N, C-alpha and C. Protein backbone atom coordinates (compact mmCIF):
# COMPACT_ATOMS: atom_id res chain seq x y z
N UNK A 1 -4.74 3.66 -8.09
CA UNK A 1 -4.69 2.23 -7.78
C UNK A 1 -5.93 1.53 -8.33
N UNK A 2 -5.87 1.21 -9.62
CA UNK A 2 -6.94 0.44 -10.25
C UNK A 2 -6.30 -0.67 -11.06
N UNK A 3 -6.99 -1.80 -11.20
CA UNK A 3 -6.41 -2.89 -12.00
C UNK A 3 -6.07 -2.46 -13.43
N UNK A 4 -6.92 -1.64 -14.03
CA UNK A 4 -6.69 -1.22 -15.40
C UNK A 4 -5.42 -0.37 -15.52
N UNK A 5 -5.24 0.58 -14.58
CA UNK A 5 -4.05 1.43 -14.62
C UNK A 5 -2.79 0.61 -14.37
N UNK A 6 -2.88 -0.33 -13.43
CA UNK A 6 -1.72 -1.17 -13.13
C UNK A 6 -1.36 -2.04 -14.33
N UNK A 7 -2.35 -2.60 -14.97
CA UNK A 7 -2.10 -3.44 -16.15
C UNK A 7 -1.42 -2.63 -17.25
N UNK A 8 -1.86 -1.39 -17.43
CA UNK A 8 -1.26 -0.53 -18.45
C UNK A 8 0.22 -0.26 -18.13
N UNK A 9 0.51 0.06 -16.87
CA UNK A 9 1.88 0.36 -16.47
C UNK A 9 2.78 -0.88 -16.59
N UNK A 10 2.27 -2.03 -16.15
CA UNK A 10 3.07 -3.26 -16.25
C UNK A 10 3.33 -3.60 -17.71
N UNK A 11 2.35 -3.44 -18.56
CA UNK A 11 2.53 -3.71 -19.98
C UNK A 11 3.61 -2.82 -20.57
N UNK A 12 3.65 -1.55 -20.17
CA UNK A 12 4.71 -0.66 -20.62
C UNK A 12 6.07 -1.11 -20.09
N UNK A 13 6.08 -1.57 -18.85
CA UNK A 13 7.33 -2.00 -18.23
C UNK A 13 7.92 -3.25 -18.86
N UNK A 14 7.10 -4.03 -19.53
CA UNK A 14 7.59 -5.26 -20.15
C UNK A 14 8.46 -5.00 -21.38
N UNK A 15 8.61 -3.72 -21.74
CA UNK A 15 9.56 -3.37 -22.79
C UNK A 15 11.00 -3.44 -22.28
N UNK A 16 11.17 -3.45 -20.97
CA UNK A 16 12.49 -3.50 -20.36
C UNK A 16 12.93 -4.94 -20.17
N UNK A 17 14.16 -5.12 -19.68
CA UNK A 17 14.70 -6.46 -19.45
C UNK A 17 14.18 -7.09 -18.17
N UNK A 18 13.80 -6.25 -17.22
CA UNK A 18 13.34 -6.73 -15.92
C UNK A 18 12.27 -5.77 -15.40
N UNK A 19 11.28 -6.31 -14.72
CA UNK A 19 10.18 -5.50 -14.19
C UNK A 19 10.23 -5.55 -12.67
N UNK A 20 10.25 -4.38 -12.03
CA UNK A 20 10.27 -4.30 -10.57
C UNK A 20 9.17 -3.36 -10.12
N UNK A 21 8.22 -3.90 -9.35
CA UNK A 21 7.14 -3.10 -8.78
C UNK A 21 7.31 -3.03 -7.27
N UNK A 22 6.77 -1.98 -6.67
CA UNK A 22 6.75 -1.89 -5.21
C UNK A 22 5.33 -1.62 -4.77
N UNK A 23 4.80 -2.50 -3.93
CA UNK A 23 3.45 -2.34 -3.41
C UNK A 23 2.43 -3.15 -4.19
N UNK A 24 1.29 -3.38 -3.54
CA UNK A 24 0.19 -4.06 -4.20
C UNK A 24 0.27 -5.57 -4.22
N UNK A 25 1.19 -6.16 -3.42
CA UNK A 25 1.36 -7.62 -3.48
C UNK A 25 0.79 -8.34 -2.26
N UNK A 26 0.19 -7.60 -1.33
CA UNK A 26 -0.33 -8.22 -0.12
C UNK A 26 -1.82 -8.51 -0.29
N UNK A 27 -2.61 -8.39 0.78
CA UNK A 27 -4.02 -8.80 0.75
C UNK A 27 -4.98 -7.64 0.98
N UNK A 28 -4.50 -6.39 0.80
CA UNK A 28 -5.35 -5.23 1.03
C UNK A 28 -6.35 -5.00 -0.09
N UNK A 29 -7.26 -4.03 0.14
CA UNK A 29 -8.30 -3.72 -0.84
C UNK A 29 -7.74 -3.22 -2.17
N UNK A 30 -6.54 -2.64 -2.14
CA UNK A 30 -5.97 -2.07 -3.36
C UNK A 30 -4.72 -2.82 -3.81
N UNK A 31 -4.58 -4.06 -3.36
CA UNK A 31 -3.45 -4.88 -3.77
C UNK A 31 -3.84 -5.71 -4.99
N UNK A 32 -3.60 -5.15 -6.18
CA UNK A 32 -4.07 -5.76 -7.42
C UNK A 32 -2.97 -6.48 -8.20
N UNK A 33 -1.75 -6.44 -7.72
CA UNK A 33 -0.63 -6.96 -8.51
C UNK A 33 -0.82 -8.43 -8.88
N UNK A 34 -1.22 -9.24 -7.91
CA UNK A 34 -1.38 -10.68 -8.16
C UNK A 34 -2.38 -10.94 -9.29
N UNK A 35 -3.52 -10.28 -9.21
CA UNK A 35 -4.56 -10.49 -10.23
C UNK A 35 -4.10 -10.02 -11.61
N UNK A 36 -3.41 -8.88 -11.65
CA UNK A 36 -2.95 -8.36 -12.93
C UNK A 36 -1.84 -9.23 -13.51
N UNK A 37 -0.92 -9.70 -12.67
CA UNK A 37 0.11 -10.61 -13.16
C UNK A 37 -0.53 -11.83 -13.81
N UNK A 38 -1.52 -12.39 -13.14
CA UNK A 38 -2.19 -13.59 -13.68
C UNK A 38 -2.88 -13.28 -15.00
N UNK A 39 -3.52 -12.11 -15.06
CA UNK A 39 -4.24 -11.72 -16.28
C UNK A 39 -3.27 -11.58 -17.45
N UNK A 40 -2.04 -11.20 -17.16
CA UNK A 40 -1.03 -11.03 -18.21
C UNK A 40 -0.29 -12.34 -18.51
N UNK A 41 -0.75 -13.44 -17.90
CA UNK A 41 -0.18 -14.75 -18.18
C UNK A 41 1.12 -15.03 -17.46
N UNK A 42 1.30 -14.44 -16.30
CA UNK A 42 2.54 -14.61 -15.55
C UNK A 42 2.72 -16.06 -15.10
N UNK A 43 3.97 -16.50 -15.15
CA UNK A 43 4.36 -17.80 -14.62
C UNK A 43 5.13 -17.50 -13.33
N UNK A 44 4.42 -17.57 -12.20
CA UNK A 44 5.01 -17.11 -10.94
C UNK A 44 5.66 -18.26 -10.17
N UNK A 45 6.86 -17.98 -9.65
CA UNK A 45 7.58 -18.95 -8.83
C UNK A 45 7.08 -18.94 -7.39
N UNK A 46 6.78 -17.76 -6.85
CA UNK A 46 6.25 -17.66 -5.49
C UNK A 46 5.59 -16.31 -5.26
N UNK A 47 4.71 -16.29 -4.24
CA UNK A 47 4.02 -15.07 -3.83
C UNK A 47 4.39 -14.64 -2.42
N UNK A 48 5.09 -15.47 -1.69
CA UNK A 48 5.50 -15.14 -0.32
C UNK A 48 6.86 -15.75 -0.05
N UNK A 49 7.59 -15.12 0.88
CA UNK A 49 8.84 -15.67 1.36
C UNK A 49 8.80 -15.72 2.88
N UNK A 50 9.49 -16.69 3.46
CA UNK A 50 9.53 -16.80 4.93
C UNK A 50 10.64 -15.92 5.47
N UNK A 51 10.51 -14.60 5.22
CA UNK A 51 11.49 -13.64 5.72
C UNK A 51 10.76 -12.46 6.36
N UNK A 52 11.53 -11.72 7.15
CA UNK A 52 11.00 -10.50 7.74
C UNK A 52 12.11 -9.47 7.83
N UNK A 53 11.89 -8.27 7.32
CA UNK A 53 10.69 -7.81 6.62
C UNK A 53 10.66 -8.32 5.18
N UNK A 54 9.48 -8.34 4.60
CA UNK A 54 9.35 -8.67 3.19
C UNK A 54 8.62 -9.94 2.85
N UNK A 55 7.74 -10.44 3.71
CA UNK A 55 7.06 -11.70 3.43
C UNK A 55 6.20 -11.66 2.17
N UNK A 56 5.34 -10.64 1.97
CA UNK A 56 4.56 -10.63 0.72
C UNK A 56 5.45 -10.17 -0.43
N UNK A 57 5.79 -11.09 -1.33
CA UNK A 57 6.71 -10.76 -2.41
C UNK A 57 6.45 -11.69 -3.58
N UNK A 58 6.30 -11.13 -4.76
CA UNK A 58 6.01 -11.92 -5.95
C UNK A 58 7.24 -12.00 -6.84
N UNK A 59 7.47 -13.19 -7.39
CA UNK A 59 8.55 -13.35 -8.37
C UNK A 59 8.16 -14.39 -9.40
N UNK A 60 8.45 -14.07 -10.64
CA UNK A 60 8.21 -15.00 -11.73
C UNK A 60 8.58 -14.37 -13.05
N UNK A 61 7.93 -14.83 -14.12
CA UNK A 61 8.19 -14.29 -15.45
C UNK A 61 6.87 -13.91 -16.10
N UNK A 62 6.91 -12.80 -16.81
CA UNK A 62 5.78 -12.37 -17.64
C UNK A 62 6.32 -12.16 -19.04
N UNK A 63 5.81 -12.91 -19.99
CA UNK A 63 6.26 -12.84 -21.38
C UNK A 63 7.78 -12.98 -21.46
N UNK A 64 8.32 -13.88 -20.64
CA UNK A 64 9.75 -14.15 -20.66
C UNK A 64 10.61 -13.17 -19.89
N UNK A 65 10.02 -12.14 -19.32
CA UNK A 65 10.78 -11.14 -18.56
C UNK A 65 10.67 -11.42 -17.07
N UNK A 66 11.80 -11.27 -16.35
CA UNK A 66 11.77 -11.41 -14.90
C UNK A 66 10.88 -10.33 -14.31
N UNK A 67 10.01 -10.73 -13.38
CA UNK A 67 9.09 -9.78 -12.75
C UNK A 67 9.15 -9.93 -11.23
N UNK A 68 9.44 -8.84 -10.55
CA UNK A 68 9.47 -8.80 -9.09
C UNK A 68 8.38 -7.87 -8.60
N UNK A 69 7.58 -8.34 -7.67
CA UNK A 69 6.60 -7.50 -6.99
C UNK A 69 7.03 -7.36 -5.54
N UNK A 70 7.68 -6.24 -5.21
CA UNK A 70 8.20 -6.03 -3.86
C UNK A 70 7.12 -5.47 -2.95
N UNK A 71 7.28 -5.61 -1.64
CA UNK A 71 6.30 -5.06 -0.70
C UNK A 71 6.26 -3.54 -0.78
N UNK A 72 5.19 -2.96 -0.29
CA UNK A 72 5.03 -1.52 -0.32
C UNK A 72 5.71 -0.80 0.84
N UNK A 73 5.83 -1.45 2.00
CA UNK A 73 6.53 -0.81 3.11
C UNK A 73 7.97 -0.53 2.70
N UNK A 74 8.47 0.68 2.99
CA UNK A 74 9.79 1.06 2.45
C UNK A 74 10.93 0.15 2.87
N UNK A 75 10.99 -0.24 4.13
CA UNK A 75 12.09 -1.08 4.59
C UNK A 75 11.97 -2.47 3.97
N UNK A 76 10.76 -3.01 3.92
CA UNK A 76 10.55 -4.32 3.29
C UNK A 76 11.00 -4.29 1.83
N UNK A 77 10.68 -3.20 1.15
CA UNK A 77 11.05 -3.07 -0.26
C UNK A 77 12.56 -3.02 -0.41
N UNK A 78 13.23 -2.26 0.46
CA UNK A 78 14.69 -2.15 0.38
C UNK A 78 15.39 -3.47 0.69
N UNK A 79 14.93 -4.15 1.72
CA UNK A 79 15.56 -5.41 2.12
C UNK A 79 15.37 -6.47 1.03
N UNK A 80 14.18 -6.59 0.49
CA UNK A 80 13.95 -7.59 -0.56
C UNK A 80 14.67 -7.22 -1.85
N UNK A 81 14.82 -5.93 -2.13
CA UNK A 81 15.63 -5.52 -3.27
C UNK A 81 17.06 -6.01 -3.09
N UNK A 82 17.61 -5.84 -1.88
CA UNK A 82 18.98 -6.27 -1.61
C UNK A 82 19.14 -7.79 -1.76
N UNK A 83 18.16 -8.54 -1.29
CA UNK A 83 18.29 -9.99 -1.28
C UNK A 83 17.99 -10.64 -2.64
N UNK A 84 17.15 -10.00 -3.45
CA UNK A 84 16.69 -10.65 -4.68
C UNK A 84 16.97 -9.85 -5.95
N UNK A 85 16.56 -8.59 -5.97
CA UNK A 85 16.64 -7.83 -7.22
C UNK A 85 18.07 -7.43 -7.55
N UNK A 86 18.80 -6.91 -6.58
CA UNK A 86 20.18 -6.50 -6.84
C UNK A 86 21.03 -7.66 -7.35
N UNK A 87 20.99 -8.84 -6.71
CA UNK A 87 21.77 -9.97 -7.27
C UNK A 87 21.34 -10.34 -8.69
N UNK A 88 20.02 -10.28 -8.95
CA UNK A 88 19.54 -10.62 -10.30
C UNK A 88 20.08 -9.63 -11.33
N UNK A 89 20.06 -8.34 -11.00
CA UNK A 89 20.57 -7.33 -11.92
C UNK A 89 22.06 -7.52 -12.18
N UNK A 90 22.81 -7.80 -11.13
CA UNK A 90 24.25 -7.99 -11.29
C UNK A 90 24.55 -9.24 -12.13
N UNK A 91 23.81 -10.30 -11.88
CA UNK A 91 24.02 -11.52 -12.66
C UNK A 91 23.66 -11.30 -14.13
N UNK A 92 22.56 -10.59 -14.38
CA UNK A 92 22.16 -10.29 -15.75
C UNK A 92 23.18 -9.39 -16.45
N UNK A 93 23.92 -8.61 -15.65
CA UNK A 93 24.94 -7.71 -16.21
C UNK A 93 26.27 -8.41 -16.45
N UNK A 94 26.35 -9.69 -16.09
CA UNK A 94 27.56 -10.45 -16.35
C UNK A 94 28.54 -10.50 -15.20
N UNK A 95 28.15 -10.00 -14.03
CA UNK A 95 29.06 -10.04 -12.88
C UNK A 95 29.24 -11.47 -12.40
N UNK A 96 30.45 -11.80 -11.98
CA UNK A 96 30.70 -13.14 -11.45
C UNK A 96 30.30 -13.26 -9.99
N UNK A 97 30.43 -12.16 -9.27
CA UNK A 97 30.06 -12.15 -7.85
C UNK A 97 28.94 -11.14 -7.67
N UNK A 98 27.85 -11.56 -7.05
CA UNK A 98 26.72 -10.65 -6.92
C UNK A 98 26.11 -10.63 -5.53
N UNK A 99 26.81 -11.20 -4.56
CA UNK A 99 26.36 -11.11 -3.18
C UNK A 99 27.10 -10.01 -2.45
N UNK A 100 26.48 -9.42 -1.47
CA UNK A 100 27.16 -8.44 -0.63
C UNK A 100 28.25 -9.16 0.19
N UNK A 101 29.35 -8.47 0.50
CA UNK A 101 30.35 -9.09 1.39
C UNK A 101 29.72 -9.43 2.74
N UNK A 102 30.15 -10.56 3.31
CA UNK A 102 29.61 -11.03 4.59
C UNK A 102 30.76 -11.23 5.57
N UNK A 103 30.56 -10.75 6.80
CA UNK A 103 31.54 -10.99 7.87
C UNK A 103 30.80 -11.55 9.09
N UNK A 104 31.56 -12.15 9.98
CA UNK A 104 31.02 -12.60 11.26
C UNK A 104 31.28 -11.51 12.28
N UNK A 105 30.27 -11.22 13.10
CA UNK A 105 30.40 -10.16 14.10
C UNK A 105 29.77 -10.61 15.41
N UNK A 106 30.15 -9.93 16.48
CA UNK A 106 29.61 -10.22 17.82
C UNK A 106 28.39 -9.35 18.07
N UNK A 107 27.27 -9.99 18.31
CA UNK A 107 26.01 -9.28 18.55
C UNK A 107 26.05 -8.64 19.93
N UNK A 108 25.51 -7.40 20.04
CA UNK A 108 25.64 -6.62 21.26
C UNK A 108 24.35 -6.50 22.07
N UNK A 109 23.28 -7.13 21.61
CA UNK A 109 21.97 -6.93 22.23
C UNK A 109 21.28 -8.27 22.49
N UNK A 110 20.05 -8.18 22.97
CA UNK A 110 19.17 -9.35 23.06
C UNK A 110 18.10 -9.22 21.99
N UNK A 111 17.78 -10.35 21.37
CA UNK A 111 16.77 -10.36 20.31
C UNK A 111 16.09 -11.71 20.32
N UNK A 112 14.78 -11.72 20.14
CA UNK A 112 14.05 -12.99 20.04
C UNK A 112 13.00 -12.90 18.94
N UNK A 113 12.70 -14.05 18.36
CA UNK A 113 11.70 -14.13 17.30
C UNK A 113 11.14 -15.54 17.26
N UNK A 114 10.09 -15.71 16.48
CA UNK A 114 9.56 -17.05 16.24
C UNK A 114 10.46 -17.78 15.25
N UNK A 115 10.47 -19.09 15.32
CA UNK A 115 11.34 -19.87 14.44
C UNK A 115 10.68 -20.23 13.13
N UNK A 116 9.98 -19.28 12.52
CA UNK A 116 9.32 -19.59 11.25
C UNK A 116 9.76 -18.69 10.10
N UNK A 117 10.63 -17.72 10.39
CA UNK A 117 11.09 -16.83 9.34
C UNK A 117 12.55 -16.44 9.54
N UNK A 118 13.20 -16.20 8.44
CA UNK A 118 14.54 -15.62 8.47
C UNK A 118 14.38 -14.10 8.63
N UNK A 119 15.15 -13.50 9.51
CA UNK A 119 15.07 -12.06 9.75
C UNK A 119 16.31 -11.35 9.23
N UNK A 120 16.10 -10.16 8.69
CA UNK A 120 17.19 -9.28 8.31
C UNK A 120 17.07 -8.01 9.14
N UNK A 121 17.83 -7.96 10.22
CA UNK A 121 17.81 -6.81 11.11
C UNK A 121 18.73 -5.74 10.54
N UNK A 122 18.29 -4.49 10.61
CA UNK A 122 19.14 -3.40 10.18
C UNK A 122 20.13 -3.10 11.29
N UNK A 123 21.42 -3.05 10.94
CA UNK A 123 22.44 -2.96 11.98
C UNK A 123 23.51 -1.92 11.71
N UNK A 124 24.28 -1.67 12.76
CA UNK A 124 25.44 -0.79 12.70
C UNK A 124 26.66 -1.62 13.10
N UNK A 125 27.57 -1.80 12.16
CA UNK A 125 28.77 -2.61 12.37
C UNK A 125 29.94 -1.70 12.74
N UNK A 126 30.66 -2.08 13.78
CA UNK A 126 31.86 -1.35 14.18
C UNK A 126 32.97 -2.36 14.42
N UNK A 127 34.19 -1.84 14.58
CA UNK A 127 35.30 -2.71 14.90
C UNK A 127 35.97 -2.18 16.17
N UNK A 128 36.05 -3.01 17.18
CA UNK A 128 36.64 -2.62 18.45
C UNK A 128 37.58 -3.72 18.92
N UNK A 129 38.76 -3.32 19.34
CA UNK A 129 39.75 -4.28 19.87
C UNK A 129 39.97 -5.45 18.92
N UNK A 130 39.99 -5.15 17.63
CA UNK A 130 40.31 -6.18 16.65
C UNK A 130 39.18 -7.11 16.27
N UNK A 131 37.95 -6.84 16.73
CA UNK A 131 36.83 -7.71 16.35
C UNK A 131 35.65 -6.86 15.91
N UNK A 132 34.82 -7.46 15.05
CA UNK A 132 33.63 -6.78 14.57
C UNK A 132 32.51 -6.95 15.60
N UNK A 133 31.82 -5.85 15.84
CA UNK A 133 30.67 -5.87 16.74
C UNK A 133 29.49 -5.22 16.01
N UNK A 134 28.31 -5.71 16.31
CA UNK A 134 27.14 -5.18 15.61
C UNK A 134 25.97 -5.04 16.58
N UNK A 135 25.22 -3.99 16.37
CA UNK A 135 23.98 -3.75 17.11
C UNK A 135 22.93 -3.30 16.11
N UNK A 136 21.68 -3.38 16.52
CA UNK A 136 20.60 -2.93 15.63
C UNK A 136 20.54 -1.41 15.61
N UNK A 137 19.81 -0.89 14.65
CA UNK A 137 19.63 0.56 14.54
C UNK A 137 18.49 1.05 15.43
N UNK A 138 17.88 0.17 16.19
CA UNK A 138 16.75 0.54 17.04
C UNK A 138 15.50 -0.22 16.62
N UNK A 139 14.35 0.42 16.72
CA UNK A 139 13.09 -0.22 16.34
C UNK A 139 13.17 -0.74 14.91
N UNK A 140 12.67 -1.96 14.72
CA UNK A 140 12.85 -2.67 13.45
C UNK A 140 11.57 -2.83 12.62
N UNK A 141 10.56 -2.03 12.89
CA UNK A 141 9.33 -2.12 12.11
C UNK A 141 9.56 -1.86 10.64
N UNK A 142 8.78 -2.55 9.79
CA UNK A 142 9.00 -2.44 8.34
C UNK A 142 8.61 -1.08 7.77
N UNK A 143 7.91 -0.27 8.56
CA UNK A 143 7.58 1.08 8.11
C UNK A 143 8.49 2.15 8.67
N UNK A 144 9.51 1.74 9.46
CA UNK A 144 10.40 2.70 10.10
C UNK A 144 11.61 2.91 9.21
N UNK A 145 11.55 3.91 8.36
CA UNK A 145 12.58 4.15 7.36
C UNK A 145 13.94 4.43 7.99
N UNK A 146 13.95 5.08 9.16
CA UNK A 146 15.23 5.40 9.79
C UNK A 146 16.00 4.14 10.18
N UNK A 147 15.31 3.01 10.37
CA UNK A 147 16.03 1.77 10.69
C UNK A 147 16.95 1.37 9.55
N UNK A 148 16.60 1.71 8.32
CA UNK A 148 17.43 1.41 7.16
C UNK A 148 18.43 2.54 6.89
N UNK A 149 17.99 3.77 7.08
CA UNK A 149 18.85 4.92 6.81
C UNK A 149 20.10 4.89 7.69
N UNK A 150 19.94 4.48 8.94
CA UNK A 150 21.07 4.45 9.88
C UNK A 150 21.98 3.24 9.69
N UNK A 151 21.52 2.25 8.95
CA UNK A 151 22.22 0.96 8.87
C UNK A 151 23.40 1.01 7.91
N UNK A 152 24.48 0.31 8.27
CA UNK A 152 25.56 0.05 7.31
C UNK A 152 25.67 -1.45 7.03
N UNK A 153 24.71 -2.22 7.57
CA UNK A 153 24.72 -3.67 7.35
C UNK A 153 23.34 -4.26 7.64
N UNK A 154 23.17 -5.50 7.23
CA UNK A 154 21.99 -6.29 7.58
C UNK A 154 22.46 -7.49 8.39
N UNK A 155 21.85 -7.72 9.54
CA UNK A 155 22.17 -8.85 10.39
C UNK A 155 21.26 -10.00 9.96
N UNK A 156 21.85 -11.08 9.48
CA UNK A 156 21.11 -12.20 8.91
C UNK A 156 20.85 -13.24 10.01
N UNK A 157 19.60 -13.31 10.46
CA UNK A 157 19.23 -14.24 11.53
C UNK A 157 18.46 -15.41 10.90
N UNK A 158 19.05 -16.61 10.87
CA UNK A 158 18.42 -17.75 10.19
C UNK A 158 17.07 -18.13 10.79
N UNK A 159 16.30 -18.87 10.02
CA UNK A 159 14.96 -19.30 10.44
C UNK A 159 14.99 -19.99 11.79
N UNK A 160 15.94 -20.91 11.96
CA UNK A 160 15.94 -21.76 13.15
C UNK A 160 16.42 -21.07 14.42
N UNK A 161 17.04 -19.89 14.29
CA UNK A 161 17.53 -19.16 15.46
C UNK A 161 16.38 -18.34 16.06
N UNK A 162 16.00 -18.64 17.28
CA UNK A 162 14.89 -17.93 17.92
C UNK A 162 15.34 -16.88 18.93
N UNK A 163 16.61 -16.97 19.32
CA UNK A 163 17.07 -16.04 20.36
C UNK A 163 18.55 -15.69 20.14
N UNK A 164 18.86 -14.40 20.28
CA UNK A 164 20.25 -13.95 20.27
C UNK A 164 20.54 -13.23 21.57
N UNK A 165 21.72 -13.46 22.10
CA UNK A 165 22.16 -12.80 23.33
C UNK A 165 23.45 -12.04 23.06
N UNK A 166 23.77 -11.06 23.91
CA UNK A 166 25.05 -10.36 23.75
C UNK A 166 26.20 -11.36 23.76
N UNK A 167 27.10 -11.23 22.79
CA UNK A 167 28.23 -12.13 22.68
C UNK A 167 28.05 -13.22 21.64
N UNK A 168 26.82 -13.43 21.16
CA UNK A 168 26.60 -14.42 20.10
C UNK A 168 27.19 -13.94 18.79
N UNK A 169 27.68 -14.89 17.99
CA UNK A 169 28.24 -14.55 16.68
C UNK A 169 27.14 -14.59 15.63
N UNK A 170 27.12 -13.58 14.77
CA UNK A 170 26.09 -13.49 13.73
C UNK A 170 26.75 -13.17 12.39
N UNK A 171 26.06 -13.55 11.31
CA UNK A 171 26.51 -13.20 9.96
C UNK A 171 25.94 -11.84 9.61
N UNK A 172 26.78 -11.00 9.01
CA UNK A 172 26.40 -9.62 8.71
C UNK A 172 26.70 -9.33 7.24
N UNK A 173 25.70 -8.85 6.52
CA UNK A 173 25.88 -8.42 5.13
C UNK A 173 26.22 -6.94 5.12
N UNK A 174 27.32 -6.57 4.49
CA UNK A 174 27.76 -5.18 4.47
C UNK A 174 27.01 -4.38 3.42
N UNK A 175 26.59 -3.18 3.78
CA UNK A 175 25.86 -2.33 2.86
C UNK A 175 26.65 -1.10 2.43
N UNK A 176 27.44 -0.53 3.34
CA UNK A 176 28.05 0.78 3.05
C UNK A 176 29.54 0.68 2.80
N UNK A 177 30.06 1.72 2.13
CA UNK A 177 31.49 1.80 1.89
C UNK A 177 32.29 1.88 3.16
N UNK A 178 31.74 2.56 4.17
CA UNK A 178 32.43 2.68 5.45
C UNK A 178 32.64 1.30 6.08
N UNK A 179 31.60 0.48 6.05
CA UNK A 179 31.72 -0.88 6.59
C UNK A 179 32.70 -1.70 5.76
N UNK A 180 32.68 -1.49 4.44
CA UNK A 180 33.60 -2.21 3.56
C UNK A 180 35.05 -1.88 3.89
N UNK A 181 35.35 -0.58 4.10
CA UNK A 181 36.71 -0.17 4.44
C UNK A 181 37.16 -0.80 5.75
N UNK A 182 36.27 -0.83 6.73
CA UNK A 182 36.63 -1.41 8.02
C UNK A 182 36.99 -2.88 7.87
N UNK A 183 36.23 -3.62 7.07
CA UNK A 183 36.50 -5.04 6.91
C UNK A 183 37.73 -5.28 6.06
N UNK A 184 37.96 -4.43 5.07
CA UNK A 184 39.14 -4.58 4.23
C UNK A 184 40.40 -4.37 5.05
N UNK A 185 40.40 -3.34 5.88
CA UNK A 185 41.55 -3.10 6.74
C UNK A 185 41.77 -4.28 7.67
N UNK A 186 40.67 -4.81 8.23
CA UNK A 186 40.79 -5.96 9.13
C UNK A 186 41.31 -7.17 8.39
N UNK A 187 40.87 -7.33 7.14
CA UNK A 187 41.33 -8.46 6.35
C UNK A 187 42.83 -8.41 6.12
N UNK A 188 43.37 -7.19 5.88
CA UNK A 188 44.80 -7.06 5.65
C UNK A 188 45.60 -7.37 6.91
N UNK A 189 45.01 -7.19 8.09
CA UNK A 189 45.75 -7.42 9.30
C UNK A 189 45.59 -8.85 9.84
N UNK A 190 44.96 -9.70 9.02
CA UNK A 190 44.86 -11.11 9.38
C UNK A 190 43.71 -11.43 10.31
N UNK A 191 42.72 -10.54 10.39
CA UNK A 191 41.59 -10.77 11.27
C UNK A 191 40.48 -11.50 10.57
N UNK A 192 39.25 -11.07 10.82
CA UNK A 192 38.07 -11.73 10.25
C UNK A 192 38.15 -11.77 8.73
N UNK A 193 37.79 -12.89 8.13
CA UNK A 193 37.84 -13.05 6.70
C UNK A 193 36.55 -12.61 6.05
N UNK A 194 36.69 -12.04 4.87
CA UNK A 194 35.52 -11.68 4.06
C UNK A 194 35.09 -12.88 3.25
N UNK A 195 33.79 -12.98 3.03
CA UNK A 195 33.30 -13.99 2.10
C UNK A 195 32.10 -13.43 1.39
N UNK A 196 31.88 -13.83 0.15
CA UNK A 196 30.72 -13.39 -0.60
C UNK A 196 29.71 -14.52 -0.66
N UNK A 197 28.42 -14.15 -0.54
CA UNK A 197 27.40 -15.18 -0.59
C UNK A 197 26.76 -15.23 -1.96
């Protein structure tokens, strides 16, 4: 973790169509990405997002190439990849639809947060009695990898929502094939509709 080594690696990466880094975008002693991006003449759109997990995140262009600096915490990196990098890759590949399928589900727990960030909770989606239900995978810390490993969906909690109670309806982004099959079957039976974001 030195500025010189990072600059060398980023320069090599600029031979590709898109550059994706993980780590080094926050305010720690070894977070050099911001300085190196600037040194390479990056035109950055933003350095932070009002989301959790994944607030420290860099995006812009370096020498005309899209450049993403994802957080170093594994869950933060995965969530921000899903929200930003995956759609960008699909769009660059010519796909017409690049959002994960989204369904409405009934939340099964209590959850509270401050009204300053959008949250992506890792969740487990099931279908019971003809309706989708969702609960979290447990502890939601950005360093808890099992919260993502157990998940088949992301529960999208908007900035302005500060509290969720059992029975509240939430938007859920599907991640796994198992969740996709459940929603497809439900769609054929005239239940909850799928939509892409």
